[in-house]
C-alpha atoms as a PDB file:
ATOM      1  CA  MET A   1     112.652  87.892 100.682  1.00  0.00           C
ATOM      2  CA  ASP A   2     110.745  89.695  97.972  1.00  0.00           C
ATOM      3  CA  LEU A   3     110.412  93.467  97.708  1.00  0.00           C
ATOM      4  CA  ILE A   4     107.012  93.626  99.357  1.00  0.00           C
ATOM      5  CA  ASP A   5     108.097  91.425 102.276  1.00  0.00           C
ATOM      6  CA  GLY A   6     111.077  93.743 102.747  1.00  0.00           C
ATOM      7  CA  MET A   7     108.832  96.790 102.675  1.00  0.00           C
ATOM      8  CA  MET A   8     106.488  95.160 105.195  1.00  0.00           C
ATOM      9  CA  ALA A   9     109.469  94.566 107.505  1.00  0.00           C
ATOM     10  CA  ASN A  10     110.320  98.255 107.120  1.00  0.00           C
ATOM     11  CA  HIS A  11     106.726  99.126 108.031  1.00  0.00           C
ATOM     12  CA  GLY A  12     107.102  97.048 111.185  1.00  0.00           C
ATOM     13  CA  THR A  13     110.256  98.959 112.112  1.00  0.00           C
ATOM     14  CA  LEU A  14     108.467 102.279 111.678  1.00  0.00           C
ATOM     15  CA  ARG A  15     105.485 101.180 113.756  1.00  0.00           C
ATOM     16  CA  GLY A  16     107.765  99.810 116.480  1.00  0.00           C
ATOM     17  CA  SER A  17     109.716 103.055 116.623  1.00  0.00           C
ATOM     18  CA  LEU A  18     106.531 105.063 117.118  1.00  0.00           C
ATOM     19  CA  ILE A  19     105.408 102.695 119.881  1.00  0.00           C
ATOM     20  CA  PHE A  20     108.757 103.176 121.610  1.00  0.00           C
ATOM     21  CA  LEU A  21     108.476 106.969 121.289  1.00  0.00           C
ATOM     22  CA  GLY A  22     105.058 106.717 122.930  1.00  0.00           C
ATOM     23  CA  ALA A  23     106.496 104.584 125.731  1.00  0.00           C
ATOM     24  CA  LEU A  24     109.149 107.231 126.390  1.00  0.00           C
ATOM     25  CA  LEU A  25     106.373 109.744 126.923  1.00  0.00           C
ATOM     26  CA  ASP A  26     104.625 107.332 129.296  1.00  0.00           C
ATOM     27  CA  ARG A  27     101.152 107.964 130.642  1.00  0.00           C
ATOM     28  CA  PRO A  28      99.907 111.402 131.608  1.00  0.00           C
ATOM     29  CA  CYS A  29     100.304 112.370 135.257  1.00  0.00           C
ATOM     30  CA  GLY A  30      98.317 115.567 134.908  1.00  0.00           C
ATOM     31  CA  CYS A  31      96.060 116.994 132.256  1.00  0.00           C
ATOM     32  CA  GLY A  32      96.843 119.369 129.440  1.00  0.00           C
ATOM     33  CA  TRP A  33      99.323 122.093 130.345  1.00  0.00           C
ATOM     34  CA  ASP A  34      99.572 120.639 133.876  1.00  0.00           C
ATOM     35  CA  ASP A  35     101.030 117.328 132.653  1.00  0.00           C
ATOM     36  CA  LEU A  36     104.315 117.408 134.513  1.00  0.00           C
ATOM     37  CA  ARG A  37     105.777 114.085 133.416  1.00  0.00           C
ATOM     38  CA  VAL A  38     109.539 114.505 133.079  1.00  0.00           C
ATOM     39  CA  ILE A  39     111.129 112.731 130.125  1.00  0.00           C
ATOM     40  CA  ASP A  40     114.654 111.858 129.102  1.00  0.00           C
ATOM     41  CA  GLN A  41     115.273 114.325 126.285  1.00  0.00           C
ATOM     42  CA  ASP A  42     118.390 112.499 125.041  1.00  0.00           C
ATOM     43  CA  SER A  43     116.557 109.175 124.671  1.00  0.00           C
ATOM     44  CA  LEU A  44     113.675 110.925 122.958  1.00  0.00           C
ATOM     45  CA  ALA A  45     116.032 112.637 120.498  1.00  0.00           C
ATOM     46  CA  ARG A  46     117.858 109.356 119.764  1.00  0.00           C
ATOM     47  CA  GLU A  47     114.629 107.494 119.124  1.00  0.00           C
ATOM     48  CA  LEU A  48     113.235 110.276 116.947  1.00  0.00           C
ATOM     49  CA  ASN A  49     116.466 110.229 114.927  1.00  0.00           C
ATOM     50  CA  GLY A  50     116.114 106.446 114.601  1.00  0.00           C
ATOM     51  CA  PHE A  51     112.552 106.854 113.358  1.00  0.00           C
ATOM     52  CA  MET A  52     113.622 109.494 110.837  1.00  0.00           C
ATOM     53  CA  ASP A  53     116.478 107.300 109.579  1.00  0.00           C
ATOM     54  CA  ALA A  54     114.077 104.370 109.125  1.00  0.00           C
ATOM     55  CA  PHE A  55     111.570 106.604 107.363  1.00  0.00           C
ATOM     56  CA  LYS A  56     114.247 107.952 105.015  1.00  0.00           C
ATOM     57  CA  ARG A  57     115.223 104.352 104.145  1.00  0.00           C
ATOM     58  CA  HIS A  58     111.536 103.647 103.562  1.00  0.00           C
ATOM     59  CA  GLU A  59     111.279 106.611 101.187  1.00  0.00           C
ATOM     60  CA  ALA A  60     114.480 105.706  99.350  1.00  0.00           C
ATOM     61  CA  LEU A  61     113.353 102.113  98.818  1.00  0.00           C
ATOM     62  CA  GLU A  62     110.009 103.253  97.486  1.00  0.00           C
ATOM     63  CA  ALA A  63     111.554 105.872  95.236  1.00  0.00           C
ATOM     64  CA  GLU A  64     113.955 103.394  93.695  1.00  0.00           C
ATOM     65  CA  TYR A  65     111.942 100.184  93.595  1.00  0.00           C
ATOM     66  CA  VAL A  66     108.223 100.968  93.897  1.00  0.00           C
ATOM     67  CA  GLU A  67     107.820 104.244  92.042  1.00  0.00           C
ATOM     68  CA  SER A  68     109.868 102.971  89.104  1.00  0.00           C
ATOM     69  CA  VAL A  69     107.228 100.294  88.555  1.00  0.00           C
ATOM     70  CA  LEU A  70     104.313 102.669  89.105  1.00  0.00           C
ATOM     71  CA  LYS A  71     105.548 105.357  86.695  1.00  0.00           C
ATOM     72  CA  THR A  72     104.650 103.243  83.694  1.00  0.00           C
ATOM     73  CA  ARG A  73     101.019 104.398  83.375  1.00  0.00           C
ATOM     74  CA  GLN A  74      99.132 107.616  84.078  1.00  0.00           C
ATOM     75  CA  ALA A  75      96.895 106.096  86.769  1.00  0.00           C
ATOM     76  CA  ASP A  76      99.977 104.755  88.492  1.00  0.00           C
ATOM     77  CA  ARG A  77     101.715 108.140  88.329  1.00  0.00           C
ATOM     78  CA  GLU A  78      98.766 109.572  90.252  1.00  0.00           C
ATOM     79  CA  LEU A  79      99.169 106.774  92.778  1.00  0.00           C
ATOM     80  CA  THR A  80     102.864 107.646  93.065  1.00  0.00           C
ATOM     81  CA  GLU A  81     101.933 111.253  93.818  1.00  0.00           C
ATOM     82  CA  THR A  82      99.566 110.070  96.567  1.00  0.00           C
ATOM     83  CA  VAL A  83     102.413 108.090  98.146  1.00  0.00           C
ATOM     84  CA  SER A  84     104.759 111.097  97.869  1.00  0.00           C
ATOM     85  CA  THR A  85     102.166 113.344  99.509  1.00  0.00           C
ATOM     86  CA  GLY A  86     101.978 110.884 102.401  1.00  0.00           C
ATOM     87  CA  HIS A  87     105.758 110.985 102.753  1.00  0.00           C
ATOM     88  CA  ARG A  88     105.754 114.782 102.917  1.00  0.00           C
ATOM     89  CA  ALA A  89     103.010 114.808 105.558  1.00  0.00           C
ATOM     90  CA  VAL A  90     104.925 112.344 107.747  1.00  0.00           C
ATOM     91  CA  GLU A  91     108.189 114.285 107.356  1.00  0.00           C
ATOM     92  CA  ASP A  92     106.473 117.570 108.246  1.00  0.00           C
ATOM     93  CA  LEU A  93     104.903 116.107 111.380  1.00  0.00           C
ATOM     94  CA  ALA A  94     108.168 114.447 112.426  1.00  0.00           C
ATOM     95  CA  ARG A  95     109.938 117.820 112.105  1.00  0.00           C
ATOM     96  CA  ILE A  96     107.211 119.468 114.205  1.00  0.00           C
ATOM     97  CA  PHE A  97     107.547 116.720 116.809  1.00  0.00           C
ATOM     98  CA  GLY A  98     111.323 117.221 116.879  1.00  0.00           C
ATOM     99  CA  ALA A  99     110.942 120.975 117.242  1.00  0.00           C
ATOM    100  CA  VAL A 100     108.467 120.624 120.100  1.00  0.00           C
ATOM    101  CA  ALA A 101     110.668 118.006 121.777  1.00  0.00           C
ATOM    102  CA  SER A 102     113.758 120.183 121.584  1.00  0.00           C
ATOM    103  CA  SER A 103     111.978 123.367 122.651  1.00  0.00           C
ATOM    104  CA  GLY A 104     111.172 122.176 126.163  1.00  0.00           C
ATOM    105  CA  ASP A 105     113.019 121.063 129.225  1.00  0.00           C
ATOM    106  CA  GLY A 106     111.483 117.597 129.342  1.00  0.00           C
ATOM    107  CA  GLU A 107     108.411 118.714 131.279  1.00  0.00           C
ATOM    108  CA  HIS A 108     104.839 119.416 130.181  1.00  0.00           C
ATOM    109  CA  VAL A 109     104.816 116.583 127.668  1.00  0.00           C
ATOM    110  CA  HIS A 110     101.117 116.899 126.788  1.00  0.00           C
ATOM    111  CA  ARG A 111     102.015 118.823 123.629  1.00  0.00           C
ATOM    112  CA  LEU A 112     104.497 116.090 122.661  1.00  0.00           C
ATOM    113  CA  ARG A 113     101.860 113.398 123.093  1.00  0.00           C
ATOM    114  CA  THR A 114      99.440 115.406 120.982  1.00  0.00           C
ATOM    115  CA  VAL A 115     101.902 115.785 118.094  1.00  0.00           C
ATOM    116  CA  LEU A 116     103.010 112.144 118.420  1.00  0.00           C
ATOM    117  CA  GLU A 117      99.389 110.986 118.170  1.00  0.00           C
ATOM    118  CA  ARG A 118      98.990 112.977 114.955  1.00  0.00           C
ATOM    119  CA  LEU A 119     102.306 111.664 113.604  1.00  0.00           C
ATOM    120  CA  THR A 120     101.310 108.092 114.451  1.00  0.00           C
ATOM    121  CA  ASP A 121      97.931 108.531 112.730  1.00  0.00           C
ATOM    122  CA  GLU A 122      99.598 109.957 109.616  1.00  0.00           C
ATOM    123  CA  VAL A 123     102.191 107.174 109.461  1.00  0.00           C
ATOM    124  CA  GLU A 124      99.566 104.483 109.952  1.00  0.00           C
ATOM    125  CA  THR A 125      97.340 105.977 107.250  1.00  0.00           C
ATOM    126  CA  HIS A 126     100.289 106.088 104.862  1.00  0.00           C
ATOM    127  CA  LEU A 127     101.445 102.538 105.603  1.00  0.00           C
ATOM    128  CA  ALA A 128      97.925 101.123 105.450  1.00  0.00           C
ATOM    129  CA  PHE A 129      97.391 102.752 102.037  1.00  0.00           C
ATOM    130  CA  GLU A 130     100.538 101.124 100.730  1.00  0.00           C
ATOM    131  CA  GLU A 131      99.558  97.759 102.179  1.00  0.00           C
ATOM    132  CA  ARG A 132      95.977  97.886 100.857  1.00  0.00           C
ATOM    133  CA  VAL A 133      96.530  99.574  97.489  1.00  0.00           C
ATOM    134  CA  VAL A 134     100.144  99.776  96.365  1.00  0.00           C
ATOM    135  CA  PHE A 135     101.465  96.360  97.382  1.00  0.00           C
ATOM    136  CA  PRO A 136      98.583  94.361  95.854  1.00  0.00           C
ATOM    137  CA  LEU A 137      99.048  96.368  92.644  1.00  0.00           C
ATOM    138  CA  LEU A 138     102.748  95.476  92.603  1.00  0.00           C
ATOM    139  CA  ARG A 139     101.949  91.800  93.197  1.00  0.00           C
ATOM    140  CA  ALA A 140      99.537  91.917  90.256  1.00  0.00           C
ATOM    141  CA  ARG A 141     102.006  93.675  87.956  1.00  0.00           C
ATOM    142  CA  LEU A 142     105.228  91.835  88.735  1.00  0.00           C
ATOM    143  CA  SER A 143     106.102  88.174  88.694  1.00  0.00           C
ATOM    144  CA  HIS A 144     107.320  86.438  91.823  1.00  0.00           C
ATOM    145  CA  ALA A 145     110.810  86.269  90.299  1.00  0.00           C
ATOM    146  CA  GLU A 146     110.798  90.019  89.598  1.00  0.00           C
ATOM    147  CA  LEU A 147     109.688  90.779  93.153  1.00  0.00           C
ATOM    148  CA  LEU A 148     112.429  88.519  94.518  1.00  0.00           C
ATOM    149  CA  GLU A 149     115.075  90.226  92.380  1.00  0.00           C
ATOM    150  CA  LEU A 150     113.895  93.678  93.426  1.00  0.00           C
ATOM    151  CA  GLY A 151     113.888  92.523  97.051  1.00  0.00           C
ATOM    152  CA  ARG A 152     117.423  91.194  96.727  1.00  0.00           C
ATOM    153  CA  ARG A 153     118.630  94.478  95.270  1.00  0.00           C
ATOM    154  CA  ALA A 154     116.735  96.592  97.809  1.00  0.00           C
ATOM    155  CA  LEU A 155     118.048  94.634 100.789  1.00  0.00           C
ATOM    156  CA  SER A 156     121.631  94.861  99.553  1.00  0.00           C
ATOM    157  CA  HIS A 157     121.562  98.669  99.981  1.00  0.00           C
END
């Protein structure tokens, strides 16, 4: 598997984790502050931790294998900064989601859904940017053999 295929698999893991978080919050049974759905706080915390672990792996792979390629030219350094900004935005929203999740008693989950929607939008924007801009650039810059070698090294971590 080449580096980009490995990164795409990681993207799938992140998207799946967010879908599962959404499923834990289920559908509203009220509206706004009156949404009295009761959730399993332990499952929510475990899944959020799983998402954060996957996102940290995502960041580490990009820092080691993607950014090293992009740092070769000024335009690419600006692209690297755009990717890093996306990472910070996702991390900030995930921390907010975790804080909101841990601050309640498992009831009134409207606020959790609201933050999760924003987190999901931010993650999807970030991943889509990489898929539309960064990955095609890497495919243009690196040979198939180089991408395979980087993929082999990345997956051995």
